[in-house]
Structure formats: C-alpha cells, structure tokens
C-alpha cells in the first residue's frame, strides 16, 4: 500500500467523523468554521487512532496539517458525505499531503 493510499484512507476516516458526530445536513444556517472547530480535536484524535504505533507528535502534526489544508481548499468539506467527500479527498490528495506535511 502506498503512502498516498494509506493517507487517503486515514483522511476518509477522519473526515467521516465530522458527519457522524455533527449529524449535519447542508443548510443555509450551517457555519462551516464553527463545525470545523467544534469537531477539530475529535477528528485529530480519530486520525491519531489509525496510527497507534507511530510517534504521536508526528501523527498529530500530520492530522492537523491535513485537516487545516482540507479546510483551506474548501471549507464546505465538513458538509460533504460519502462519494462526494471521497472524490474531494482523491482530487486534492496531492495538496493535502504536500511536502509541508513532513516538515
């Protein structure tokens, strides 16, 4: 399994947590920033649980980078579900796991 495939899987798990925990649907009154911040730590923790053997500080940094990058690319990603979310991650994977993720 390549690193990109593994990270895509991890990002899918992390992003899915937003929807399970938030239970939100697209709505005019939904504030993406509030939703992103409300579940930020939960999503970082979910990402970290997928890599228990790795250095926790490094994994946390990667999780934070990926989540922040996804939000900068399209803040409405917190409202995406299923195939729409998977497609968003797949299309943006090179940017999400860019060189800065390793810094």
Protein backbone atom coordinates (compact mmCIF):
# COMPACT_ATOMS: atom_id res chain seq x y z
CA UNK A 1 0.00 0.00 0.00
CA UNK A 2 1.43 3.35 -0.99
CA UNK A 3 1.69 6.25 1.42
CA UNK A 4 -0.89 8.21 -0.59
CA UNK A 5 -3.39 5.33 -0.40
CA UNK A 6 -2.86 5.00 3.32
CA UNK A 7 -3.24 8.73 3.89
CA UNK A 8 -6.37 8.78 1.69
CA UNK A 9 -7.84 6.07 3.90
CA UNK A 10 -6.90 7.94 7.05
CA UNK A 11 -8.36 11.18 5.77
CA UNK A 12 -11.57 9.41 4.83
CA UNK A 13 -11.88 8.04 8.36
CA UNK A 14 -11.13 11.40 9.92
CA UNK A 15 -13.49 13.30 7.66
CA UNK A 16 -16.25 10.78 8.24
CA UNK A 17 -16.09 11.52 11.95
CA UNK A 18 -17.24 15.07 11.25
CA UNK A 19 -20.51 13.79 9.84
CA UNK A 20 -21.15 11.05 12.34
CA UNK A 21 -20.59 13.38 15.27
CA UNK A 22 -22.11 16.51 13.82
CA UNK A 23 -25.09 14.87 12.18
CA UNK A 24 -25.45 17.89 9.97
CA UNK A 25 -27.01 18.26 6.57
CA UNK A 26 -26.43 21.09 4.14
CA UNK A 27 -28.36 24.06 5.40
CA UNK A 28 -28.33 27.80 4.89
CA UNK A 29 -27.53 28.42 8.54
CA UNK A 30 -24.67 25.94 8.85
CA UNK A 31 -21.46 27.70 9.79
CA UNK A 32 -18.63 25.59 8.40
CA UNK A 33 -15.97 27.25 10.56
CA UNK A 34 -17.88 26.58 13.77
CA UNK A 35 -18.47 22.98 12.75
CA UNK A 36 -14.82 22.54 11.79
CA UNK A 37 -13.61 23.96 15.11
CA UNK A 38 -16.19 22.12 17.20
CA UNK A 39 -15.03 18.70 15.98
CA UNK A 40 -11.37 19.53 15.28
CA UNK A 41 -9.91 17.72 18.30
CA UNK A 42 -12.23 14.74 17.78
CA UNK A 43 -11.04 14.43 14.19
CA UNK A 44 -7.38 14.82 15.13
CA UNK A 45 -7.84 12.07 17.74
CA UNK A 46 -9.60 9.82 15.19
CA UNK A 47 -6.72 10.29 12.76
CA UNK A 48 -4.20 9.51 15.50
CA UNK A 49 -6.01 6.27 16.47
CA UNK A 50 -5.43 4.93 12.97
CA UNK A 51 -1.65 5.02 13.53
CA UNK A 52 -1.13 3.85 17.14
CA UNK A 53 2.43 2.62 16.62
CA UNK A 54 3.69 5.90 15.16
CA UNK A 55 5.16 8.84 17.05
CA UNK A 56 2.11 10.63 18.45
CA UNK A 57 3.53 14.14 18.00
CA UNK A 58 4.33 13.47 14.34
CA UNK A 59 0.93 11.89 13.69
CA UNK A 60 -0.85 14.80 15.38
CA UNK A 61 1.09 17.25 13.21
CA UNK A 62 0.09 15.33 10.06
CA UNK A 63 -3.55 15.20 11.17
CA UNK A 64 -3.64 18.93 11.90
CA UNK A 65 -1.94 19.73 8.61
CA UNK A 66 -4.35 17.56 6.60
CA UNK A 67 -7.48 18.92 8.29
CA UNK A 68 -6.34 22.54 8.01
CA UNK A 69 -5.36 22.06 4.37
CA UNK A 70 -8.71 20.47 3.53
CA UNK A 71 -10.50 23.41 5.14
CA UNK A 72 -8.39 25.93 3.22
CA UNK A 73 -9.11 24.15 -0.06
CA UNK A 74 -12.87 24.09 0.51
CA UNK A 75 -14.42 24.94 3.86
CA UNK A 76 -17.62 23.13 2.89
CA UNK A 77 -15.79 19.78 3.03
CA UNK A 78 -17.22 19.48 6.55
CA UNK A 79 -20.65 19.12 4.94
CA UNK A 80 -19.67 16.55 2.32
CA UNK A 81 -20.63 12.90 2.63
CA UNK A 82 -19.86 9.58 1.00
CA UNK A 83 -18.73 9.70 -2.60
CA UNK A 84 -18.63 13.50 -2.65
CA UNK A 85 -16.17 13.51 0.26
CA UNK A 86 -14.13 10.65 -1.19
CA UNK A 87 -13.90 12.46 -4.53
CA UNK A 88 -12.86 15.70 -2.81
CA UNK A 89 -10.07 13.91 -0.95
CA UNK A 90 -8.96 11.97 -4.02
CA UNK A 91 -8.79 15.08 -6.24
CA UNK A 92 -6.99 17.15 -3.60
CA UNK A 93 -4.76 14.43 -2.15
CA UNK A 94 -1.52 15.82 -3.62
CA UNK A 95 -2.18 19.20 -1.98
CA UNK A 96 -3.41 17.65 1.27
CA UNK A 97 -0.31 15.51 1.75
CA UNK A 98 2.12 18.04 0.31
CA UNK A 99 5.72 18.45 1.38
CA UNK A 100 4.71 20.62 4.33
CA UNK A 101 3.07 17.59 5.97
CA UNK A 102 6.54 16.20 6.58
CA UNK A 103 8.01 19.42 7.99
